[in-house]
ModelCIF file with pLDDT and N, C-alpha, C, O atoms, coordinates in Angstrom:
data_MODEL
#
_entry.id   MODEL 
#
_entity.id                         1 
_entity.type                       polymer 
_entity.pdbx_number_of_molecules   1 
#
_entity_poly.entity_id                      1 
_entity_poly.type                           'polypeptide(L)' 
_entity_poly.nstd_linkage                   no 
_entity_poly.nstd_monomer                   no 
_entity_poly.pdbx_seq_one_letter_code       
;(UNK)(UNK)(UNK)(UNK)(UNK)(UNK)(UNK)(UNK)(UNK)(UNK)(UNK)(UNK)(UNK)(UNK)(UNK)(UNK)
(UNK)(UNK)(UNK)(UNK)(UNK)(UNK)(UNK)(UNK)(UNK)(UNK)(UNK)(UNK)(UNK)(UNK)(UNK)(UNK)
(UNK)(UNK)(UNK)(UNK)(UNK)(UNK)(UNK)(UNK)(UNK)(UNK)(UNK)(UNK)(UNK)(UNK)(UNK)
;
_entity_poly.pdbx_seq_one_letter_code_can   XXXXXXXXXXXXXXXXXXXXXXXXXXXXXXXXXXXXXXXXXXXXXXX 
_entity_poly.pdbx_strand_id                 A 
#
loop_
_entity_poly_seq.entity_id 
_entity_poly_seq.num 
_entity_poly_seq.mon_id 
_entity_poly_seq.hetero 
1 1  UNK n 
1 2  UNK n 
1 3  UNK n 
1 4  UNK n 
1 5  UNK n 
1 6  UNK n 
1 7  UNK n 
1 8  UNK n 
1 9  UNK n 
1 10 UNK n 
1 11 UNK n 
1 12 UNK n 
1 13 UNK n 
1 14 UNK n 
1 15 UNK n 
1 16 UNK n 
1 17 UNK n 
1 18 UNK n 
1 19 UNK n 
1 20 UNK n 
1 21 UNK n 
1 22 UNK n 
1 23 UNK n 
1 24 UNK n 
1 25 UNK n 
1 26 UNK n 
1 27 UNK n 
1 28 UNK n 
1 29 UNK n 
1 30 UNK n 
1 31 UNK n 
1 32 UNK n 
1 33 UNK n 
1 34 UNK n 
1 35 UNK n 
1 36 UNK n 
1 37 UNK n 
1 38 UNK n 
1 39 UNK n 
1 40 UNK n 
1 41 UNK n 
1 42 UNK n 
1 43 UNK n 
1 44 UNK n 
1 45 UNK n 
1 46 UNK n 
1 47 UNK n 
#
_struct_asym.id          A 
_struct_asym.entity_id   1 
#
loop_
_ma_qa_metric.id 
_ma_qa_metric.mode 
_ma_qa_metric.name 
_ma_qa_metric.software_group_id 
_ma_qa_metric.type 
1 global pLDDT . pLDDT 
2 local  pLDDT . pLDDT 
#
_ma_qa_metric_global.metric_id      1 
_ma_qa_metric_global.metric_value   97.38 
_ma_qa_metric_global.model_id       1 
_ma_qa_metric_global.ordinal_id     1 
#
loop_
_ma_qa_metric_local.label_asym_id 
_ma_qa_metric_local.label_comp_id 
_ma_qa_metric_local.label_seq_id 
_ma_qa_metric_local.metric_id 
_ma_qa_metric_local.metric_value 
_ma_qa_metric_local.model_id 
_ma_qa_metric_local.ordinal_id 
A UNK 1  2 95.00 1 1  
A UNK 2  2 95.00 1 2  
A UNK 3  2 97.00 1 3  
A UNK 4  2 91.00 1 4  
A UNK 5  2 94.00 1 5  
A UNK 6  2 97.00 1 6  
A UNK 7  2 98.00 1 7  
A UNK 8  2 98.00 1 8  
A UNK 9  2 98.00 1 9  
A UNK 10 2 98.00 1 10 
A UNK 11 2 98.00 1 11 
A UNK 12 2 98.00 1 12 
A UNK 13 2 98.00 1 13 
A UNK 14 2 97.00 1 14 
A UNK 15 2 97.00 1 15 
A UNK 16 2 97.00 1 16 
A UNK 17 2 98.00 1 17 
A UNK 18 2 97.00 1 18 
A UNK 19 2 98.00 1 19 
A UNK 20 2 97.00 1 20 
A UNK 21 2 97.00 1 21 
A UNK 22 2 98.00 1 22 
A UNK 23 2 98.00 1 23 
A UNK 24 2 98.00 1 24 
A UNK 25 2 98.00 1 25 
A UNK 26 2 98.00 1 26 
A UNK 27 2 98.00 1 27 
A UNK 28 2 98.00 1 28 
A UNK 29 2 98.00 1 29 
A UNK 30 2 98.00 1 30 
A UNK 31 2 98.00 1 31 
A UNK 32 2 98.00 1 32 
A UNK 33 2 98.00 1 33 
A UNK 34 2 98.00 1 34 
A UNK 35 2 98.00 1 35 
A UNK 36 2 98.00 1 36 
A UNK 37 2 98.00 1 37 
A UNK 38 2 98.00 1 38 
A UNK 39 2 98.00 1 39 
A UNK 40 2 98.00 1 40 
A UNK 41 2 98.00 1 41 
A UNK 42 2 98.00 1 42 
A UNK 43 2 97.00 1 43 
A UNK 44 2 97.00 1 44 
A UNK 45 2 97.00 1 45 
A UNK 46 2 97.00 1 46 
A UNK 47 2 98.00 1 47 
#
loop_
_atom_site.group_PDB 
_atom_site.id 
_atom_site.type_symbol 
_atom_site.label_atom_id 
_atom_site.label_alt_id 
_atom_site.label_comp_id 
_atom_site.label_asym_id 
_atom_site.label_entity_id 
_atom_site.label_seq_id 
_atom_site.pdbx_PDB_ins_code 
_atom_site.Cartn_x 
_atom_site.Cartn_y 
_atom_site.Cartn_z 
_atom_site.occupancy 
_atom_site.B_iso_or_equiv 
_atom_site.pdbx_formal_charge 
_atom_site.auth_seq_id 
_atom_site.auth_comp_id 
_atom_site.auth_asym_id 
_atom_site.auth_atom_id 
_atom_site.pdbx_PDB_model_num 
ATOM 1   N N  . UNK A 1 1  ? 0.799  -1.239  0.000   1.00 95.00 ? 1  UNK A N  1 
ATOM 2   C CA . UNK A 1 1  ? 0.000  0.000   0.000   1.00 95.00 ? 1  UNK A CA 1 
ATOM 3   C C  . UNK A 1 1  ? 0.825  1.279   0.000   1.00 95.00 ? 1  UNK A C  1 
ATOM 4   O O  . UNK A 1 1  ? 0.441  2.264   -0.631  1.00 95.00 ? 1  UNK A O  1 
ATOM 5   N N  . UNK A 1 2  ? 1.941  1.274   0.693   1.00 95.00 ? 2  UNK A N  1 
ATOM 6   C CA . UNK A 1 2  ? 2.744  2.498   0.785   1.00 95.00 ? 2  UNK A CA 1 
ATOM 7   C C  . UNK A 1 2  ? 3.349  2.892   -0.563  1.00 95.00 ? 2  UNK A C  1 
ATOM 8   O O  . UNK A 1 2  ? 3.745  4.042   -0.754  1.00 95.00 ? 2  UNK A O  1 
ATOM 9   N N  . UNK A 1 3  ? 3.421  1.944   -1.492  1.00 97.00 ? 3  UNK A N  1 
ATOM 10  C CA . UNK A 1 3  ? 4.039  2.222   -2.794  1.00 97.00 ? 3  UNK A CA 1 
ATOM 11  C C  . UNK A 1 3  ? 3.026  2.349   -3.916  1.00 97.00 ? 3  UNK A C  1 
ATOM 12  O O  . UNK A 1 3  ? 3.365  2.839   -4.993  1.00 97.00 ? 3  UNK A O  1 
ATOM 13  N N  . UNK A 1 4  ? 1.798  1.922   -3.694  1.00 91.00 ? 4  UNK A N  1 
ATOM 14  C CA . UNK A 1 4  ? 0.830  1.790   -4.790  1.00 91.00 ? 4  UNK A CA 1 
ATOM 15  C C  . UNK A 1 4  ? 0.700  3.055   -5.624  1.00 91.00 ? 4  UNK A C  1 
ATOM 16  O O  . UNK A 1 4  ? 0.558  2.974   -6.844  1.00 91.00 ? 4  UNK A O  1 
ATOM 17  N N  . UNK A 1 5  ? 0.745  4.219   -4.991  1.00 94.00 ? 5  UNK A N  1 
ATOM 18  C CA . UNK A 1 5  ? 0.517  5.471   -5.709  1.00 94.00 ? 5  UNK A CA 1 
ATOM 19  C C  . UNK A 1 5  ? 1.725  5.961   -6.491  1.00 94.00 ? 5  UNK A C  1 
ATOM 20  O O  . UNK A 1 5  ? 1.683  7.042   -7.080  1.00 94.00 ? 5  UNK A O  1 
ATOM 21  N N  . UNK A 1 6  ? 2.797  5.186   -6.504  1.00 97.00 ? 6  UNK A N  1 
ATOM 22  C CA . UNK A 1 6  ? 3.950  5.569   -7.333  1.00 97.00 ? 6  UNK A CA 1 
ATOM 23  C C  . UNK A 1 6  ? 4.519  4.391   -8.116  1.00 97.00 ? 6  UNK A C  1 
ATOM 24  O O  . UNK A 1 6  ? 5.652  4.441   -8.596  1.00 97.00 ? 6  UNK A O  1 
ATOM 25  N N  . UNK A 1 7  ? 3.727  3.339   -8.237  1.00 98.00 ? 7  UNK A N  1 
ATOM 26  C CA . UNK A 1 7  ? 4.120  2.206   -9.073  1.00 98.00 ? 7  UNK A CA 1 
ATOM 27  C C  . UNK A 1 7  ? 3.443  2.324   -10.431 1.00 98.00 ? 7  UNK A C  1 
ATOM 28  O O  . UNK A 1 7  ? 2.243  2.588   -10.522 1.00 98.00 ? 7  UNK A O  1 
ATOM 29  N N  . UNK A 1 8  ? 4.228  2.125   -11.486 1.00 98.00 ? 8  UNK A N  1 
ATOM 30  C CA . UNK A 1 8  ? 3.719  2.087   -12.854 1.00 98.00 ? 8  UNK A CA 1 
ATOM 31  C C  . UNK A 1 8  ? 3.854  0.646   -13.325 1.00 98.00 ? 8  UNK A C  1 
ATOM 32  O O  . UNK A 1 8  ? 4.967  0.148   -13.489 1.00 98.00 ? 8  UNK A O  1 
ATOM 33  N N  . UNK A 1 9  ? 2.733  -0.023  -13.541 1.00 98.00 ? 9  UNK A N  1 
ATOM 34  C CA . UNK A 1 9  ? 2.748  -1.410  -14.006 1.00 98.00 ? 9  UNK A CA 1 
ATOM 35  C C  . UNK A 1 9  ? 2.682  -1.423  -15.528 1.00 98.00 ? 9  UNK A C  1 
ATOM 36  O O  . UNK A 1 9  ? 1.862  -0.729  -16.130 1.00 98.00 ? 9  UNK A O  1 
ATOM 37  N N  . UNK A 1 10 ? 3.543  -2.211  -16.135 1.00 98.00 ? 10 UNK A N  1 
ATOM 38  C CA . UNK A 1 10 ? 3.479  -2.423  -17.581 1.00 98.00 ? 10 UNK A CA 1 
ATOM 39  C C  . UNK A 1 10 ? 3.317  -3.918  -17.830 1.00 98.00 ? 10 UNK A C  1 
ATOM 40  O O  . UNK A 1 10 ? 4.043  -4.738  -17.268 1.00 98.00 ? 10 UNK A O  1 
ATOM 41  N N  . UNK A 1 11 ? 2.360  -4.255  -18.675 1.00 98.00 ? 11 UNK A N  1 
ATOM 42  C CA . UNK A 1 11 ? 2.080  -5.649  -18.991 1.00 98.00 ? 11 UNK A CA 1 
ATOM 43  C C  . UNK A 1 11 ? 1.447  -5.687  -20.377 1.00 98.00 ? 11 UNK A C  1 
ATOM 44  O O  . UNK A 1 11 ? 1.371  -4.660  -21.052 1.00 98.00 ? 11 UNK A O  1 
ATOM 45  N N  . UNK A 1 12 ? 0.999  -6.849  -20.802 1.00 98.00 ? 12 UNK A N  1 
ATOM 46  C CA . UNK A 1 12 ? 0.397  -6.952  -22.120 1.00 98.00 ? 12 UNK A CA 1 
ATOM 47  C C  . UNK A 1 12 ? 0.049  -8.391  -22.454 1.00 98.00 ? 12 UNK A C  1 
ATOM 48  O O  . UNK A 1 12 ? 0.143  -9.287  -21.615 1.00 98.00 ? 12 UNK A O  1 
ATOM 49  N N  . UNK A 1 13 ? -0.352 -8.587  -23.695 1.00 98.00 ? 13 UNK A N  1 
ATOM 50  C CA . UNK A 1 13 ? -0.858 -9.899  -24.121 1.00 98.00 ? 13 UNK A CA 1 
ATOM 51  C C  . UNK A 1 13 ? 0.172  -10.740 -24.861 1.00 98.00 ? 13 UNK A C  1 
ATOM 52  O O  . UNK A 1 13 ? -0.097 -11.899 -25.178 1.00 98.00 ? 13 UNK A O  1 
ATOM 53  N N  . UNK A 1 14 ? 1.338  -10.185 -25.140 1.00 97.00 ? 14 UNK A N  1 
ATOM 54  C CA . UNK A 1 14 ? 2.256  -10.844 -26.070 1.00 97.00 ? 14 UNK A CA 1 
ATOM 55  C C  . UNK A 1 14 ? 2.745  -12.203 -25.599 1.00 97.00 ? 14 UNK A C  1 
ATOM 56  O O  . UNK A 1 14 ? 2.749  -13.154 -26.380 1.00 97.00 ? 14 UNK A O  1 
ATOM 57  N N  . UNK A 1 15 ? 3.154  -12.317 -24.345 1.00 97.00 ? 15 UNK A N  1 
ATOM 58  C CA . UNK A 1 15 ? 3.761  -13.561 -23.870 1.00 97.00 ? 15 UNK A CA 1 
ATOM 59  C C  . UNK A 1 15 ? 2.713  -14.557 -23.390 1.00 97.00 ? 15 UNK A C  1 
ATOM 60  O O  . UNK A 1 15 ? 2.731  -15.718 -23.798 1.00 97.00 ? 15 UNK A O  1 
ATOM 61  N N  . UNK A 1 16 ? 1.800  -14.115 -22.524 1.00 97.00 ? 16 UNK A N  1 
ATOM 62  C CA . UNK A 1 16 ? 0.837  -15.032 -21.908 1.00 97.00 ? 16 UNK A CA 1 
ATOM 63  C C  . UNK A 1 16 ? -0.119 -15.629 -22.920 1.00 97.00 ? 16 UNK A C  1 
ATOM 64  O O  . UNK A 1 16 ? -0.527 -16.782 -22.782 1.00 97.00 ? 16 UNK A O  1 
ATOM 65  N N  . UNK A 1 17 ? -0.486 -14.853 -23.947 1.00 98.00 ? 17 UNK A N  1 
ATOM 66  C CA . UNK A 1 17 ? -1.482 -15.309 -24.915 1.00 98.00 ? 17 UNK A CA 1 
ATOM 67  C C  . UNK A 1 17 ? -0.888 -15.575 -26.296 1.00 98.00 ? 17 UNK A C  1 
ATOM 68  O O  . UNK A 1 17 ? -1.628 -15.730 -27.268 1.00 98.00 ? 17 UNK A O  1 
ATOM 69  N N  . UNK A 1 18 ? 0.441  -15.628 -26.390 1.00 97.00 ? 18 UNK A N  1 
ATOM 70  C CA . UNK A 1 18 ? 1.116  -15.870 -27.672 1.00 97.00 ? 18 UNK A CA 1 
ATOM 71  C C  . UNK A 1 18 ? 0.639  -14.873 -28.736 1.00 97.00 ? 18 UNK A C  1 
ATOM 72  O O  . UNK A 1 18 ? 0.192  -15.262 -29.815 1.00 97.00 ? 18 UNK A O  1 
ATOM 73  N N  . UNK A 1 19 ? 0.743  -13.591 -28.410 1.00 98.00 ? 19 UNK A N  1 
ATOM 74  C CA . UNK A 1 19 ? 0.247  -12.526 -29.292 1.00 98.00 ? 19 UNK A CA 1 
ATOM 75  C C  . UNK A 1 19 ? 1.323  -11.484 -29.575 1.00 98.00 ? 19 UNK A C  1 
ATOM 76  O O  . UNK A 1 19 ? 1.018  -10.293 -29.643 1.00 98.00 ? 19 UNK A O  1 
ATOM 77  N N  . UNK A 1 20 ? 2.570  -11.906 -29.741 1.00 97.00 ? 20 UNK A N  1 
ATOM 78  C CA . UNK A 1 20 ? 3.655  -10.937 -29.931 1.00 97.00 ? 20 UNK A CA 1 
ATOM 79  C C  . UNK A 1 20 ? 3.397  -10.007 -31.116 1.00 97.00 ? 20 UNK A C  1 
ATOM 80  O O  . UNK A 1 20 ? 3.648  -8.806  -31.020 1.00 97.00 ? 20 UNK A O  1 
ATOM 81  N N  . UNK A 1 21 ? 2.909  -10.537 -32.216 1.00 97.00 ? 21 UNK A N  1 
ATOM 82  C CA . UNK A 1 21 ? 2.721  -9.722  -33.414 1.00 97.00 ? 21 UNK A CA 1 
ATOM 83  C C  . UNK A 1 21 ? 1.503  -8.820  -33.387 1.00 97.00 ? 21 UNK A C  1 
ATOM 84  O O  . UNK A 1 21 ? 1.362  -7.945  -34.241 1.00 97.00 ? 21 UNK A O  1 
ATOM 85  N N  . UNK A 1 22 ? 0.630  -9.019  -32.426 1.00 98.00 ? 22 UNK A N  1 
ATOM 86  C CA . UNK A 1 22 ? -0.562 -8.176  -32.339 1.00 98.00 ? 22 UNK A CA 1 
ATOM 87  C C  . UNK A 1 22 ? -0.236 -6.793  -31.793 1.00 98.00 ? 22 UNK A C  1 
ATOM 88  O O  . UNK A 1 22 ? -0.976 -5.839  -32.036 1.00 98.00 ? 22 UNK A O  1 
ATOM 89  N N  . UNK A 1 23 ? 0.857  -6.676  -31.064 1.00 98.00 ? 23 UNK A N  1 
ATOM 90  C CA . UNK A 1 23 ? 1.381  -5.407  -30.555 1.00 98.00 ? 23 UNK A CA 1 
ATOM 91  C C  . UNK A 1 23 ? 0.389  -4.672  -29.647 1.00 98.00 ? 23 UNK A C  1 
ATOM 92  O O  . UNK A 1 23 ? -0.027 -3.551  -29.939 1.00 98.00 ? 23 UNK A O  1 
ATOM 93  N N  . UNK A 1 24 ? 0.021  -5.328  -28.541 1.00 98.00 ? 24 UNK A N  1 
ATOM 94  C CA . UNK A 1 24 ? -0.832 -4.678  -27.550 1.00 98.00 ? 24 UNK A CA 1 
ATOM 95  C C  . UNK A 1 24 ? -0.217 -4.850  -26.169 1.00 98.00 ? 24 UNK A C  1 
ATOM 96  O O  . UNK A 1 24 ? -0.021 -5.967  -25.691 1.00 98.00 ? 24 UNK A O  1 
ATOM 97  N N  . UNK A 1 25 ? 0.082  -3.724  -25.543 1.00 98.00 ? 25 UNK A N  1 
ATOM 98  C CA . UNK A 1 25 ? 0.532  -3.703  -24.157 1.00 98.00 ? 25 UNK A CA 1 
ATOM 99  C C  . UNK A 1 25 ? -0.214 -2.606  -23.431 1.00 98.00 ? 25 UNK A C  1 
ATOM 100 O O  . UNK A 1 25 ? -0.923 -1.815  -24.054 1.00 98.00 ? 25 UNK A O  1 
ATOM 101 N N  . UNK A 1 26 ? -0.060 -2.550  -22.122 1.00 98.00 ? 26 UNK A N  1 
ATOM 102 C CA . UNK A 1 26 ? -0.740 -1.495  -21.381 1.00 98.00 ? 26 UNK A CA 1 
ATOM 103 C C  . UNK A 1 26 ? 0.122  -1.006  -20.231 1.00 98.00 ? 26 UNK A C  1 
ATOM 104 O O  . UNK A 1 26 ? 1.052  -1.678  -19.784 1.00 98.00 ? 26 UNK A O  1 
ATOM 105 N N  . UNK A 1 27 ? -0.218 0.176   -19.775 1.00 98.00 ? 27 UNK A N  1 
ATOM 106 C CA . UNK A 1 27 ? 0.381  0.790   -18.600 1.00 98.00 ? 27 UNK A CA 1 
ATOM 107 C C  . UNK A 1 27 ? -0.741 1.102   -17.620 1.00 98.00 ? 27 UNK A C  1 
ATOM 108 O O  . UNK A 1 27 ? -1.777 1.644   -18.003 1.00 98.00 ? 27 UNK A O  1 
ATOM 109 N N  . UNK A 1 28 ? -0.528 0.757   -16.348 1.00 98.00 ? 28 UNK A N  1 
ATOM 110 C CA . UNK A 1 28 ? -1.463 1.104   -15.275 1.00 98.00 ? 28 UNK A CA 1 
ATOM 111 C C  . UNK A 1 28 ? -0.690 1.955   -14.278 1.00 98.00 ? 28 UNK A C  1 
ATOM 112 O O  . UNK A 1 28 ? 0.325  1.514   -13.738 1.00 98.00 ? 28 UNK A O  1 
ATOM 113 N N  . UNK A 1 29 ? -1.163 3.166   -14.033 1.00 98.00 ? 29 UNK A N  1 
ATOM 114 C CA . UNK A 1 29 ? -0.333 4.115   -13.285 1.00 98.00 ? 29 UNK A CA 1 
ATOM 115 C C  . UNK A 1 29 ? -1.192 5.104   -12.514 1.00 98.00 ? 29 UNK A C  1 
ATOM 116 O O  . UNK A 1 29 ? -2.396 5.204   -12.750 1.00 98.00 ? 29 UNK A O  1 
ATOM 117 N N  . UNK A 1 30 ? -0.575 5.834   -11.592 1.00 98.00 ? 30 UNK A N  1 
ATOM 118 C CA . UNK A 1 30 ? -1.275 6.968   -10.981 1.00 98.00 ? 30 UNK A CA 1 
ATOM 119 C C  . UNK A 1 30 ? -1.840 7.880   -12.066 1.00 98.00 ? 30 UNK A C  1 
ATOM 120 O O  . UNK A 1 30 ? -1.237 8.031   -13.128 1.00 98.00 ? 30 UNK A O  1 
ATOM 121 N N  . UNK A 1 31 ? -2.987 8.481   -11.803 1.00 98.00 ? 31 UNK A N  1 
ATOM 122 C CA . UNK A 1 31 ? -3.714 9.206   -12.845 1.00 98.00 ? 31 UNK A CA 1 
ATOM 123 C C  . UNK A 1 31 ? -2.863 10.277  -13.525 1.00 98.00 ? 31 UNK A C  1 
ATOM 124 O O  . UNK A 1 31 ? -2.921 10.426  -14.746 1.00 98.00 ? 31 UNK A O  1 
ATOM 125 N N  . UNK A 1 32 ? -2.083 11.014  -12.761 1.00 98.00 ? 32 UNK A N  1 
ATOM 126 C CA . UNK A 1 32 ? -1.270 12.081  -13.349 1.00 98.00 ? 32 UNK A CA 1 
ATOM 127 C C  . UNK A 1 32 ? -0.283 11.523  -14.368 1.00 98.00 ? 32 UNK A C  1 
ATOM 128 O O  . UNK A 1 32 ? -0.060 12.126  -15.418 1.00 98.00 ? 32 UNK A O  1 
ATOM 129 N N  . UNK A 1 33 ? 0.311  10.366  -14.057 1.00 98.00 ? 33 UNK A N  1 
ATOM 130 C CA . UNK A 1 33 ? 1.260  9.746   -14.986 1.00 98.00 ? 33 UNK A CA 1 
ATOM 131 C C  . UNK A 1 33 ? 0.536  9.183   -16.194 1.00 98.00 ? 33 UNK A C  1 
ATOM 132 O O  . UNK A 1 33 ? 1.012  9.329   -17.320 1.00 98.00 ? 33 UNK A O  1 
ATOM 133 N N  . UNK A 1 34 ? -0.611 8.538   -15.980 1.00 98.00 ? 34 UNK A N  1 
ATOM 134 C CA . UNK A 1 34 ? -1.377 7.994   -17.100 1.00 98.00 ? 34 UNK A CA 1 
ATOM 135 C C  . UNK A 1 34 ? -1.768 9.103   -18.076 1.00 98.00 ? 34 UNK A C  1 
ATOM 136 O O  . UNK A 1 34 ? -1.699 8.914   -19.291 1.00 98.00 ? 34 UNK A O  1 
ATOM 137 N N  . UNK A 1 35 ? -2.179 10.259  -17.551 1.00 98.00 ? 35 UNK A N  1 
ATOM 138 C CA . UNK A 1 35 ? -2.541 11.381  -18.419 1.00 98.00 ? 35 UNK A CA 1 
ATOM 139 C C  . UNK A 1 35 ? -1.328 11.891  -19.197 1.00 98.00 ? 35 UNK A C  1 
ATOM 140 O O  . UNK A 1 35 ? -1.437 12.242  -20.372 1.00 98.00 ? 35 UNK A O  1 
ATOM 141 N N  . UNK A 1 36 ? -0.171 11.929  -18.531 1.00 98.00 ? 36 UNK A N  1 
ATOM 142 C CA . UNK A 1 36 ? 1.046  12.384  -19.209 1.00 98.00 ? 36 UNK A CA 1 
ATOM 143 C C  . UNK A 1 36 ? 1.442  11.429  -20.327 1.00 98.00 ? 36 UNK A C  1 
ATOM 144 O O  . UNK A 1 36 ? 1.839  11.859  -21.410 1.00 98.00 ? 36 UNK A O  1 
ATOM 145 N N  . UNK A 1 37 ? 1.331  10.135  -20.060 1.00 98.00 ? 37 UNK A N  1 
ATOM 146 C CA . UNK A 1 37 ? 1.662  9.127   -21.077 1.00 98.00 ? 37 UNK A CA 1 
ATOM 147 C C  . UNK A 1 37 ? 0.687  9.219   -22.246 1.00 98.00 ? 37 UNK A C  1 
ATOM 148 O O  . UNK A 1 37 ? 1.094  9.123   -23.404 1.00 98.00 ? 37 UNK A O  1 
ATOM 149 N N  . UNK A 1 38 ? -0.593 9.404   -21.950 1.00 98.00 ? 38 UNK A N  1 
ATOM 150 C CA . UNK A 1 38 ? -1.587 9.554   -23.015 1.00 98.00 ? 38 UNK A CA 1 
ATOM 151 C C  . UNK A 1 38 ? -1.304 10.797  -23.860 1.00 98.00 ? 38 UNK A C  1 
ATOM 152 O O  . UNK A 1 38 ? -1.461 10.772  -25.081 1.00 98.00 ? 38 UNK A O  1 
ATOM 153 N N  . UNK A 1 39 ? -0.892 11.870  -23.213 1.00 98.00 ? 39 UNK A N  1 
ATOM 154 C CA . UNK A 1 39 ? -0.522 13.105  -23.927 1.00 98.00 ? 39 UNK A CA 1 
ATOM 155 C C  . UNK A 1 39 ? 0.637  12.848  -24.877 1.00 98.00 ? 39 UNK A C  1 
ATOM 156 O O  . UNK A 1 39 ? 0.617  13.282  -26.029 1.00 98.00 ? 39 UNK A O  1 
ATOM 157 N N  . UNK A 1 40 ? 1.647  12.141  -24.386 1.00 98.00 ? 40 UNK A N  1 
ATOM 158 C CA . UNK A 1 40 ? 2.803  11.800  -25.215 1.00 98.00 ? 40 UNK A CA 1 
ATOM 159 C C  . UNK A 1 40 ? 2.393  10.905  -26.377 1.00 98.00 ? 40 UNK A C  1 
ATOM 160 O O  . UNK A 1 40 ? 2.790  11.130  -27.521 1.00 98.00 ? 40 UNK A O  1 
ATOM 161 N N  . UNK A 1 41 ? 1.599  9.891   -26.071 1.00 98.00 ? 41 UNK A N  1 
ATOM 162 C CA . UNK A 1 41 ? 1.192  8.947   -27.114 1.00 98.00 ? 41 UNK A CA 1 
ATOM 163 C C  . UNK A 1 41 ? 0.337  9.634   -28.180 1.00 98.00 ? 41 UNK A C  1 
ATOM 164 O O  . UNK A 1 41 ? 0.377  9.266   -29.354 1.00 98.00 ? 41 UNK A O  1 
ATOM 165 N N  . UNK A 1 42 ? -0.429 10.627  -27.759 1.00 98.00 ? 42 UNK A N  1 
ATOM 166 C CA . UNK A 1 42 ? -1.252 11.377  -28.701 1.00 98.00 ? 42 UNK A CA 1 
ATOM 167 C C  . UNK A 1 42 ? -0.440 12.153  -29.720 1.00 98.00 ? 42 UNK A C  1 
ATOM 168 O O  . UNK A 1 42 ? -0.938 12.477  -30.797 1.00 98.00 ? 42 UNK A O  1 
ATOM 169 N N  . UNK A 1 43 ? 0.808  12.454  -29.388 1.00 97.00 ? 43 UNK A N  1 
ATOM 170 C CA . UNK A 1 43 ? 1.677  13.165  -30.314 1.00 97.00 ? 43 UNK A CA 1 
ATOM 171 C C  . UNK A 1 43 ? 2.694  12.242  -30.991 1.00 97.00 ? 43 UNK A C  1 
ATOM 172 O O  . UNK A 1 43 ? 3.580  12.706  -31.709 1.00 97.00 ? 43 UNK A O  1 
ATOM 173 N N  . UNK A 1 44 ? 2.562  10.945  -30.761 1.00 97.00 ? 44 UNK A N  1 
ATOM 174 C CA . UNK A 1 44 ? 3.484  10.006  -31.413 1.00 97.00 ? 44 UNK A CA 1 
ATOM 175 C C  . UNK A 1 44 ? 2.708  8.992   -32.240 1.00 97.00 ? 44 UNK A C  1 
ATOM 176 O O  . UNK A 1 44 ? 2.538  9.181   -33.444 1.00 97.00 ? 44 UNK A O  1 
ATOM 177 N N  . UNK A 1 45 ? 2.237  7.926   -31.619 1.00 97.00 ? 45 UNK A N  1 
ATOM 178 C CA . UNK A 1 45 ? 1.558  6.875   -32.390 1.00 97.00 ? 45 UNK A CA 1 
ATOM 179 C C  . UNK A 1 45 ? 0.047  6.978   -32.389 1.00 97.00 ? 45 UNK A C  1 
ATOM 180 O O  . UNK A 1 45 ? -0.607 6.347   -33.219 1.00 97.00 ? 45 UNK A O  1 
ATOM 181 N N  . UNK A 1 46 ? -0.534 7.761   -31.475 1.00 97.00 ? 46 UNK A N  1 
ATOM 182 C CA . UNK A 1 46 ? -1.976 7.753   -31.233 1.00 97.00 ? 46 UNK A CA 1 
ATOM 183 C C  . UNK A 1 46 ? -2.398 6.370   -30.743 1.00 97.00 ? 46 UNK A C  1 
ATOM 184 O O  . UNK A 1 46 ? -1.596 5.656   -30.141 1.00 97.00 ? 46 UNK A O  1 
ATOM 185 N N  . UNK A 1 47 ? -3.640 5.990   -30.993 1.00 98.00 ? 47 UNK A N  1 
ATOM 186 C CA . UNK A 1 47 ? -4.152 4.731   -30.467 1.00 98.00 ? 47 UNK A CA 1 
ATOM 187 C C  . UNK A 1 47 ? -3.607 3.518   -31.192 1.00 98.00 ? 47 UNK A C  1 
ATOM 188 O O  . UNK A 1 47 ? -3.955 2.387   -30.851 1.00 98.00 ? 47 UNK A O  1 
#
């Protein structure tokens, strides 16, 4: 609990579901960081 608000989890479907070529991963983070990452992604690859 003491760390939850500053941990950024990254995971995805590539290894567990044998989906490497599908190219889907995710980030779960404190809201401020998630918004910053979304802002960055919006100016690079988009969705």
